[in-house]
N, C-alpha and C. Protein backbone atom coordinates (compact mmCIF):
# COMPACT_ATOMS: atom_id res chain seq x y z
N MET A 1 23.58 -18.43 1.06
CA MET A 1 22.22 -18.65 1.50
C MET A 1 21.34 -17.60 0.82
N ALA A 2 20.37 -18.03 0.06
CA ALA A 2 19.51 -17.12 -0.70
C ALA A 2 18.71 -16.22 0.24
N GLY A 3 18.57 -14.96 -0.17
CA GLY A 3 17.76 -14.02 0.60
C GLY A 3 18.52 -13.26 1.67
N TYR A 4 19.83 -13.51 1.81
CA TYR A 4 20.63 -12.85 2.83
C TYR A 4 21.86 -12.21 2.20
N THR A 5 22.33 -11.15 2.83
CA THR A 5 23.60 -10.53 2.48
C THR A 5 24.53 -10.72 3.67
N PHE A 6 25.77 -11.12 3.42
CA PHE A 6 26.71 -11.40 4.50
C PHE A 6 27.80 -10.35 4.57
N THR A 7 28.18 -10.02 5.80
CA THR A 7 29.28 -9.08 6.04
C THR A 7 30.27 -9.75 6.98
N PRO A 8 31.52 -9.83 6.64
CA PRO A 8 32.06 -9.49 5.32
C PRO A 8 31.58 -10.50 4.27
N ALA A 9 31.75 -10.13 3.01
CA ALA A 9 31.31 -11.00 1.92
C ALA A 9 32.15 -12.27 1.87
N SER A 10 33.42 -12.18 2.27
CA SER A 10 34.30 -13.35 2.30
C SER A 10 35.47 -13.08 3.24
N ILE A 11 36.11 -14.15 3.66
CA ILE A 11 37.33 -14.07 4.49
C ILE A 11 38.35 -15.00 3.86
N THR A 12 39.55 -14.51 3.70
CA THR A 12 40.63 -15.32 3.14
C THR A 12 41.47 -15.90 4.28
N CYS A 13 41.67 -17.18 4.24
CA CYS A 13 42.51 -17.86 5.23
C CYS A 13 43.67 -18.51 4.47
N GLU A 14 44.88 -18.01 4.68
CA GLU A 14 46.05 -18.51 3.96
C GLU A 14 46.95 -19.33 4.89
N ASN A 15 47.59 -20.32 4.32
CA ASN A 15 48.56 -21.14 5.04
C ASN A 15 48.03 -21.62 6.38
N VAL A 16 46.86 -22.20 6.38
CA VAL A 16 46.24 -22.68 7.61
C VAL A 16 46.97 -23.94 8.09
N THR A 17 47.51 -23.88 9.30
CA THR A 17 48.21 -25.03 9.88
C THR A 17 47.57 -25.46 11.19
N ASN A 18 46.66 -24.65 11.72
CA ASN A 18 45.97 -24.96 12.96
C ASN A 18 44.49 -24.63 12.80
N ASP A 19 43.68 -25.11 13.75
CA ASP A 19 42.27 -24.73 13.75
C ASP A 19 42.15 -23.22 13.92
N LEU A 20 41.21 -22.61 13.17
CA LEU A 20 40.95 -21.18 13.31
C LEU A 20 39.60 -21.02 14.01
N THR A 21 39.58 -20.33 15.11
CA THR A 21 38.32 -20.10 15.82
C THR A 21 38.19 -18.62 16.11
N GLY A 22 36.97 -18.11 15.98
CA GLY A 22 36.71 -16.71 16.30
C GLY A 22 37.23 -15.72 15.28
N GLN A 23 37.83 -16.20 14.21
CA GLN A 23 38.40 -15.29 13.22
C GLN A 23 37.60 -15.26 11.93
N GLN A 24 36.59 -16.09 11.83
CA GLN A 24 35.83 -16.15 10.59
C GLN A 24 34.33 -15.98 10.86
N ASN A 25 33.99 -14.92 11.57
CA ASN A 25 32.59 -14.63 11.88
C ASN A 25 31.95 -13.78 10.79
N PHE A 26 30.71 -14.11 10.48
CA PHE A 26 29.94 -13.38 9.48
C PHE A 26 28.66 -12.89 10.12
N THR A 27 28.15 -11.77 9.63
CA THR A 27 26.84 -11.25 10.04
C THR A 27 25.91 -11.36 8.85
N ALA A 28 24.74 -11.97 9.07
CA ALA A 28 23.77 -12.15 7.98
C ALA A 28 22.67 -11.10 8.12
N LEU A 29 22.32 -10.47 7.01
CA LEU A 29 21.24 -9.49 6.98
C LEU A 29 20.20 -9.96 5.97
N LEU A 30 18.95 -10.09 6.43
CA LEU A 30 17.86 -10.51 5.56
C LEU A 30 17.60 -9.42 4.52
N ASN A 31 17.58 -9.78 3.25
CA ASN A 31 17.30 -8.82 2.18
C ASN A 31 15.82 -8.48 2.18
N THR A 32 15.51 -7.18 2.19
CA THR A 32 14.12 -6.73 2.10
C THR A 32 14.01 -5.68 1.00
N TYR A 33 12.80 -5.57 0.47
CA TYR A 33 12.53 -4.62 -0.60
C TYR A 33 11.24 -3.88 -0.32
N THR A 34 11.08 -2.73 -0.96
CA THR A 34 9.90 -1.90 -0.77
C THR A 34 8.99 -2.00 -1.98
N ILE A 35 7.70 -2.13 -1.69
CA ILE A 35 6.68 -2.07 -2.74
C ILE A 35 5.84 -0.84 -2.41
N SER A 36 5.64 0.02 -3.42
CA SER A 36 4.90 1.26 -3.15
C SER A 36 4.00 1.63 -4.31
N GLY A 37 3.03 2.49 -4.00
CA GLY A 37 2.11 2.96 -5.02
C GLY A 37 1.22 4.05 -4.48
N GLN A 38 0.21 4.41 -5.26
CA GLN A 38 -0.72 5.46 -4.89
C GLN A 38 -2.13 5.04 -5.28
N VAL A 39 -3.10 5.52 -4.49
CA VAL A 39 -4.50 5.29 -4.80
C VAL A 39 -5.12 6.66 -5.08
N THR A 40 -5.81 6.77 -6.21
CA THR A 40 -6.45 8.03 -6.58
C THR A 40 -7.92 7.82 -6.91
N HIS A 41 -8.67 8.92 -6.81
CA HIS A 41 -10.08 8.95 -7.20
C HIS A 41 -10.27 10.22 -8.00
N ASN A 42 -10.66 10.11 -9.25
CA ASN A 42 -10.80 11.26 -10.16
C ASN A 42 -9.52 12.09 -10.21
N GLY A 43 -8.37 11.41 -10.16
CA GLY A 43 -7.07 12.08 -10.23
C GLY A 43 -6.59 12.67 -8.92
N ASN A 44 -7.39 12.58 -7.87
CA ASN A 44 -7.01 13.10 -6.55
C ASN A 44 -6.58 11.96 -5.63
N PRO A 45 -5.62 12.24 -4.72
CA PRO A 45 -5.20 11.19 -3.79
C PRO A 45 -6.35 10.78 -2.88
N LEU A 46 -6.43 9.49 -2.59
CA LEU A 46 -7.48 8.98 -1.71
C LEU A 46 -6.82 8.48 -0.43
N ILE A 47 -7.10 9.13 0.68
CA ILE A 47 -6.49 8.78 1.96
C ILE A 47 -7.30 7.71 2.68
N GLY A 48 -6.61 6.97 3.55
CA GLY A 48 -7.28 6.01 4.40
C GLY A 48 -7.70 4.72 3.74
N VAL A 49 -7.17 4.42 2.56
CA VAL A 49 -7.47 3.16 1.88
C VAL A 49 -6.61 2.07 2.53
N THR A 50 -7.24 0.97 2.90
CA THR A 50 -6.50 -0.17 3.44
C THR A 50 -5.93 -0.99 2.29
N ILE A 51 -4.62 -1.21 2.34
CA ILE A 51 -3.96 -2.09 1.38
C ILE A 51 -3.60 -3.36 2.15
N SER A 52 -4.30 -4.46 1.85
CA SER A 52 -4.06 -5.73 2.53
C SER A 52 -3.09 -6.58 1.72
N TYR A 53 -2.22 -7.31 2.44
CA TYR A 53 -1.24 -8.18 1.78
C TYR A 53 -0.72 -9.20 2.79
N ALA A 54 -0.60 -10.43 2.38
CA ALA A 54 0.06 -11.49 3.15
C ALA A 54 -0.29 -11.47 4.64
N GLY A 55 -1.56 -11.32 4.99
CA GLY A 55 -1.96 -11.33 6.38
C GLY A 55 -1.68 -10.05 7.14
N ASP A 56 -1.29 -9.01 6.45
CA ASP A 56 -0.98 -7.71 7.06
C ASP A 56 -1.69 -6.63 6.27
N SER A 57 -1.58 -5.38 6.72
CA SER A 57 -2.18 -4.27 5.97
C SER A 57 -1.51 -2.96 6.34
N THR A 58 -1.71 -1.97 5.48
CA THR A 58 -1.25 -0.62 5.73
C THR A 58 -2.30 0.33 5.16
N LEU A 59 -2.21 1.62 5.51
CA LEU A 59 -3.17 2.62 5.02
C LEU A 59 -2.47 3.61 4.12
N THR A 60 -3.21 4.15 3.14
CA THR A 60 -2.66 5.23 2.33
C THR A 60 -2.58 6.49 3.18
N ASP A 61 -1.57 7.31 2.91
CA ASP A 61 -1.35 8.53 3.68
C ASP A 61 -2.07 9.72 3.04
N GLY A 62 -1.75 10.92 3.48
CA GLY A 62 -2.39 12.14 2.99
C GLY A 62 -2.18 12.41 1.51
N SER A 63 -1.22 11.72 0.90
CA SER A 63 -0.96 11.85 -0.53
C SER A 63 -1.52 10.66 -1.29
N GLY A 64 -2.29 9.80 -0.58
CA GLY A 64 -2.84 8.62 -1.21
C GLY A 64 -1.81 7.53 -1.46
N GLU A 65 -0.62 7.69 -0.86
CA GLU A 65 0.48 6.76 -1.12
C GLU A 65 0.61 5.72 -0.01
N TYR A 66 1.15 4.57 -0.38
CA TYR A 66 1.44 3.52 0.58
C TYR A 66 2.80 2.93 0.26
N SER A 67 3.40 2.28 1.25
CA SER A 67 4.69 1.63 1.07
C SER A 67 4.78 0.49 2.07
N ILE A 68 5.23 -0.67 1.59
CA ILE A 68 5.40 -1.82 2.48
C ILE A 68 6.79 -2.41 2.26
N SER A 69 7.27 -3.12 3.24
CA SER A 69 8.56 -3.79 3.15
C SER A 69 8.31 -5.30 3.15
N VAL A 70 8.97 -5.99 2.21
CA VAL A 70 8.80 -7.44 2.09
C VAL A 70 10.17 -8.12 1.98
N GLU A 71 10.20 -9.39 2.35
CA GLU A 71 11.42 -10.16 2.24
C GLU A 71 11.69 -10.54 0.78
N GLU A 72 12.96 -10.77 0.49
CA GLU A 72 13.36 -11.19 -0.86
C GLU A 72 12.62 -12.47 -1.25
N ASN A 73 12.24 -12.54 -2.50
CA ASN A 73 11.53 -13.67 -3.10
C ASN A 73 10.09 -13.82 -2.62
N ALA A 74 9.57 -12.80 -1.92
CA ALA A 74 8.18 -12.86 -1.46
C ALA A 74 7.24 -12.83 -2.67
N THR A 75 6.13 -13.51 -2.53
CA THR A 75 5.04 -13.43 -3.50
C THR A 75 3.81 -13.07 -2.70
N LEU A 76 3.15 -11.98 -3.10
CA LEU A 76 1.99 -11.52 -2.35
C LEU A 76 1.04 -10.77 -3.26
N THR A 77 -0.19 -10.64 -2.78
CA THR A 77 -1.22 -9.92 -3.52
C THR A 77 -1.63 -8.69 -2.72
N LEU A 78 -1.61 -7.53 -3.36
CA LEU A 78 -2.04 -6.27 -2.76
C LEU A 78 -3.51 -6.07 -3.11
N THR A 79 -4.33 -5.83 -2.09
CA THR A 79 -5.76 -5.65 -2.31
C THR A 79 -6.24 -4.40 -1.57
N PRO A 80 -6.72 -3.38 -2.30
CA PRO A 80 -7.22 -2.16 -1.66
C PRO A 80 -8.67 -2.31 -1.22
N SER A 81 -9.03 -1.58 -0.15
CA SER A 81 -10.43 -1.55 0.27
C SER A 81 -10.73 -0.27 1.04
N LEU A 82 -11.90 0.27 0.78
CA LEU A 82 -12.44 1.43 1.50
C LEU A 82 -13.93 1.44 1.22
N THR A 83 -14.72 1.52 2.27
CA THR A 83 -16.17 1.52 2.12
C THR A 83 -16.60 2.63 1.16
N GLY A 84 -17.46 2.28 0.22
CA GLY A 84 -17.98 3.25 -0.74
C GLY A 84 -17.19 3.32 -2.04
N TYR A 85 -16.19 2.43 -2.20
CA TYR A 85 -15.36 2.48 -3.40
C TYR A 85 -15.09 1.07 -3.94
N THR A 86 -14.92 1.00 -5.26
CA THR A 86 -14.34 -0.18 -5.90
C THR A 86 -13.02 0.28 -6.51
N PHE A 87 -12.16 -0.68 -6.85
CA PHE A 87 -10.82 -0.33 -7.29
C PHE A 87 -10.43 -1.05 -8.57
N THR A 88 -9.66 -0.34 -9.39
CA THR A 88 -9.10 -0.90 -10.61
C THR A 88 -7.59 -0.71 -10.56
N PRO A 89 -6.83 -1.79 -10.69
CA PRO A 89 -7.29 -3.17 -10.68
C PRO A 89 -7.82 -3.55 -9.30
N ALA A 90 -8.54 -4.65 -9.21
CA ALA A 90 -9.08 -5.11 -7.93
C ALA A 90 -7.96 -5.58 -7.01
N SER A 91 -6.86 -6.06 -7.59
CA SER A 91 -5.69 -6.48 -6.82
C SER A 91 -4.48 -6.51 -7.74
N ILE A 92 -3.30 -6.51 -7.13
CA ILE A 92 -2.04 -6.61 -7.88
C ILE A 92 -1.21 -7.69 -7.21
N THR A 93 -0.72 -8.65 -7.99
CA THR A 93 0.15 -9.70 -7.46
C THR A 93 1.59 -9.37 -7.79
N CYS A 94 2.45 -9.43 -6.79
CA CYS A 94 3.89 -9.23 -6.95
C CYS A 94 4.54 -10.58 -6.67
N SER A 95 5.24 -11.13 -7.66
CA SER A 95 5.81 -12.48 -7.55
C SER A 95 7.32 -12.44 -7.44
N ASN A 96 7.84 -13.26 -6.54
CA ASN A 96 9.30 -13.43 -6.38
C ASN A 96 10.04 -12.09 -6.37
N VAL A 97 9.71 -11.24 -5.43
CA VAL A 97 10.26 -9.88 -5.36
C VAL A 97 11.77 -9.93 -5.10
N THR A 98 12.54 -9.33 -6.02
CA THR A 98 14.00 -9.29 -5.88
C THR A 98 14.54 -7.87 -6.06
N ALA A 99 13.65 -6.88 -6.06
CA ALA A 99 14.05 -5.47 -6.18
C ALA A 99 12.90 -4.61 -5.67
N ASN A 100 13.17 -3.34 -5.41
CA ASN A 100 12.10 -2.41 -5.02
C ASN A 100 11.12 -2.29 -6.18
N LEU A 101 9.83 -2.24 -5.86
CA LEU A 101 8.80 -2.10 -6.89
C LEU A 101 8.00 -0.83 -6.62
N THR A 102 7.91 0.04 -7.61
CA THR A 102 7.15 1.28 -7.49
C THR A 102 6.01 1.27 -8.50
N GLY A 103 5.10 2.22 -8.35
CA GLY A 103 4.03 2.36 -9.34
C GLY A 103 2.96 1.29 -9.26
N LYS A 104 2.81 0.66 -8.11
CA LYS A 104 1.75 -0.33 -7.92
C LYS A 104 0.49 0.44 -7.51
N ASP A 105 -0.12 1.11 -8.49
CA ASP A 105 -1.20 2.08 -8.26
C ASP A 105 -2.59 1.48 -8.48
N PHE A 106 -3.55 2.11 -7.79
CA PHE A 106 -4.95 1.73 -7.93
C PHE A 106 -5.77 2.99 -8.20
N THR A 107 -6.84 2.83 -8.96
CA THR A 107 -7.79 3.91 -9.20
C THR A 107 -9.12 3.53 -8.57
N ALA A 108 -9.66 4.44 -7.77
CA ALA A 108 -10.92 4.18 -7.06
C ALA A 108 -12.09 4.78 -7.82
N THR A 109 -13.21 4.09 -7.74
CA THR A 109 -14.49 4.57 -8.27
C THR A 109 -15.48 4.56 -7.13
N SER A 110 -16.16 5.68 -6.95
CA SER A 110 -17.14 5.77 -5.87
C SER A 110 -18.36 4.93 -6.17
N THR A 111 -18.78 4.16 -5.19
CA THR A 111 -20.02 3.39 -5.32
C THR A 111 -21.15 4.11 -4.58
N VAL A 112 -20.82 5.24 -3.96
CA VAL A 112 -21.83 6.03 -3.24
C VAL A 112 -22.40 7.03 -4.22
N GLY A 113 -23.68 6.93 -4.48
CA GLY A 113 -24.32 7.86 -5.40
C GLY A 113 -24.61 9.18 -4.72
N THR A 114 -25.40 9.98 -5.36
CA THR A 114 -25.79 11.25 -4.76
C THR A 114 -27.00 11.02 -3.87
N LEU A 115 -27.11 11.87 -2.90
CA LEU A 115 -28.26 11.84 -2.01
C LEU A 115 -29.10 13.06 -2.35
N GLU A 116 -30.31 12.85 -2.76
CA GLU A 116 -31.18 13.97 -3.10
C GLU A 116 -32.29 14.08 -2.06
N ILE A 117 -32.38 15.27 -1.52
CA ILE A 117 -33.43 15.56 -0.54
C ILE A 117 -34.25 16.69 -1.14
N GLY A 118 -35.53 16.49 -1.27
CA GLY A 118 -36.30 17.56 -1.91
C GLY A 118 -37.76 17.56 -1.55
N ARG A 119 -38.35 18.70 -1.84
CA ARG A 119 -39.78 18.91 -1.67
C ARG A 119 -40.22 19.77 -2.83
N GLY A 120 -40.99 19.21 -3.70
CA GLY A 120 -41.42 20.00 -4.85
C GLY A 120 -40.26 20.33 -5.76
N ASP A 121 -40.08 21.63 -6.04
CA ASP A 121 -38.99 22.02 -6.93
C ASP A 121 -37.74 22.47 -6.18
N ALA A 122 -37.74 22.36 -4.84
CA ALA A 122 -36.54 22.69 -4.05
C ALA A 122 -35.85 21.39 -3.66
N SER A 123 -34.56 21.29 -3.90
CA SER A 123 -33.84 20.08 -3.52
C SER A 123 -32.38 20.39 -3.22
N VAL A 124 -31.74 19.47 -2.54
CA VAL A 124 -30.32 19.56 -2.23
C VAL A 124 -29.68 18.27 -2.70
N LYS A 125 -28.59 18.37 -3.43
CA LYS A 125 -27.84 17.19 -3.84
C LYS A 125 -26.54 17.16 -3.03
N VAL A 126 -26.23 16.00 -2.48
CA VAL A 126 -25.01 15.84 -1.69
C VAL A 126 -24.16 14.77 -2.36
N TYR A 127 -22.91 15.11 -2.62
CA TYR A 127 -21.97 14.19 -3.25
C TYR A 127 -20.89 13.82 -2.23
N PRO A 128 -20.35 12.60 -2.31
CA PRO A 128 -19.28 12.26 -1.38
C PRO A 128 -18.01 13.03 -1.72
N ASN A 129 -17.25 13.39 -0.68
CA ASN A 129 -15.95 14.02 -0.86
C ASN A 129 -15.04 12.97 -1.50
N PRO A 130 -14.44 13.25 -2.67
CA PRO A 130 -13.65 12.23 -3.36
C PRO A 130 -12.38 11.84 -2.61
N THR A 131 -11.90 12.69 -1.72
CA THR A 131 -10.69 12.38 -0.99
C THR A 131 -10.97 11.55 0.25
N THR A 132 -12.02 11.92 0.99
CA THR A 132 -12.29 11.21 2.23
C THR A 132 -13.42 10.20 2.12
N GLY A 133 -14.28 10.35 1.09
CA GLY A 133 -15.41 9.46 0.94
C GLY A 133 -16.57 9.77 1.87
N GLN A 134 -16.46 10.85 2.61
CA GLN A 134 -17.47 11.18 3.60
C GLN A 134 -18.51 12.15 3.06
N LEU A 135 -19.72 12.00 3.56
CA LEU A 135 -20.80 12.94 3.27
C LEU A 135 -20.98 13.82 4.50
N GLN A 136 -21.10 15.11 4.29
CA GLN A 136 -21.34 15.98 5.42
C GLN A 136 -22.35 17.04 5.02
N MET A 137 -23.36 17.18 5.84
CA MET A 137 -24.39 18.18 5.59
C MET A 137 -24.90 18.63 6.95
N THR A 138 -24.84 19.91 7.21
CA THR A 138 -25.30 20.41 8.51
C THR A 138 -26.15 21.67 8.33
N ASN A 139 -27.14 21.78 9.15
CA ASN A 139 -27.98 22.97 9.26
C ASN A 139 -28.53 23.50 7.92
N TYR A 140 -29.04 22.60 7.12
CA TYR A 140 -29.67 23.02 5.88
C TYR A 140 -31.17 22.91 6.04
N GLU A 141 -31.85 23.90 5.54
CA GLU A 141 -33.30 23.90 5.65
C GLU A 141 -33.88 24.17 4.28
N LEU A 142 -34.78 23.32 3.86
CA LEU A 142 -35.43 23.53 2.57
C LEU A 142 -36.65 24.41 2.75
N LYS A 143 -36.70 25.48 2.00
CA LYS A 143 -37.85 26.38 2.06
C LYS A 143 -38.38 26.56 0.65
N LYS A 144 -39.65 26.70 0.58
CA LYS A 144 -40.26 26.89 -0.73
C LYS A 144 -40.90 28.24 -0.81
């Protein structure tokens, strides 16, 4: 049966003269494989990216890495998403998976520009954190 591994792999029955019952049991294990990769932004790991696939999803960890488990012969498309970013490639399709797949990587580009706050010749530029994508600014006062 495709997609399963059986234990034991086979049973030998020699000189059978009667019905054999209870002596030829097998255990079937569904074959699964891992698909993994990393998401980076400017060479840095990007955490919290949702990787959607086959009606499910997972998030990248603190190293920007993700890993999913799929059944043998699965065909699925991996699609990353995180507000404020676009990704290259936009998606990756894995067809008829029959082994572990690594290196299914994405590169993020920030779609959040800089925020400039200014008065005259005094200004503050705020850039998004490339790892978290968040902007944070507290207790700043512009004085001229």
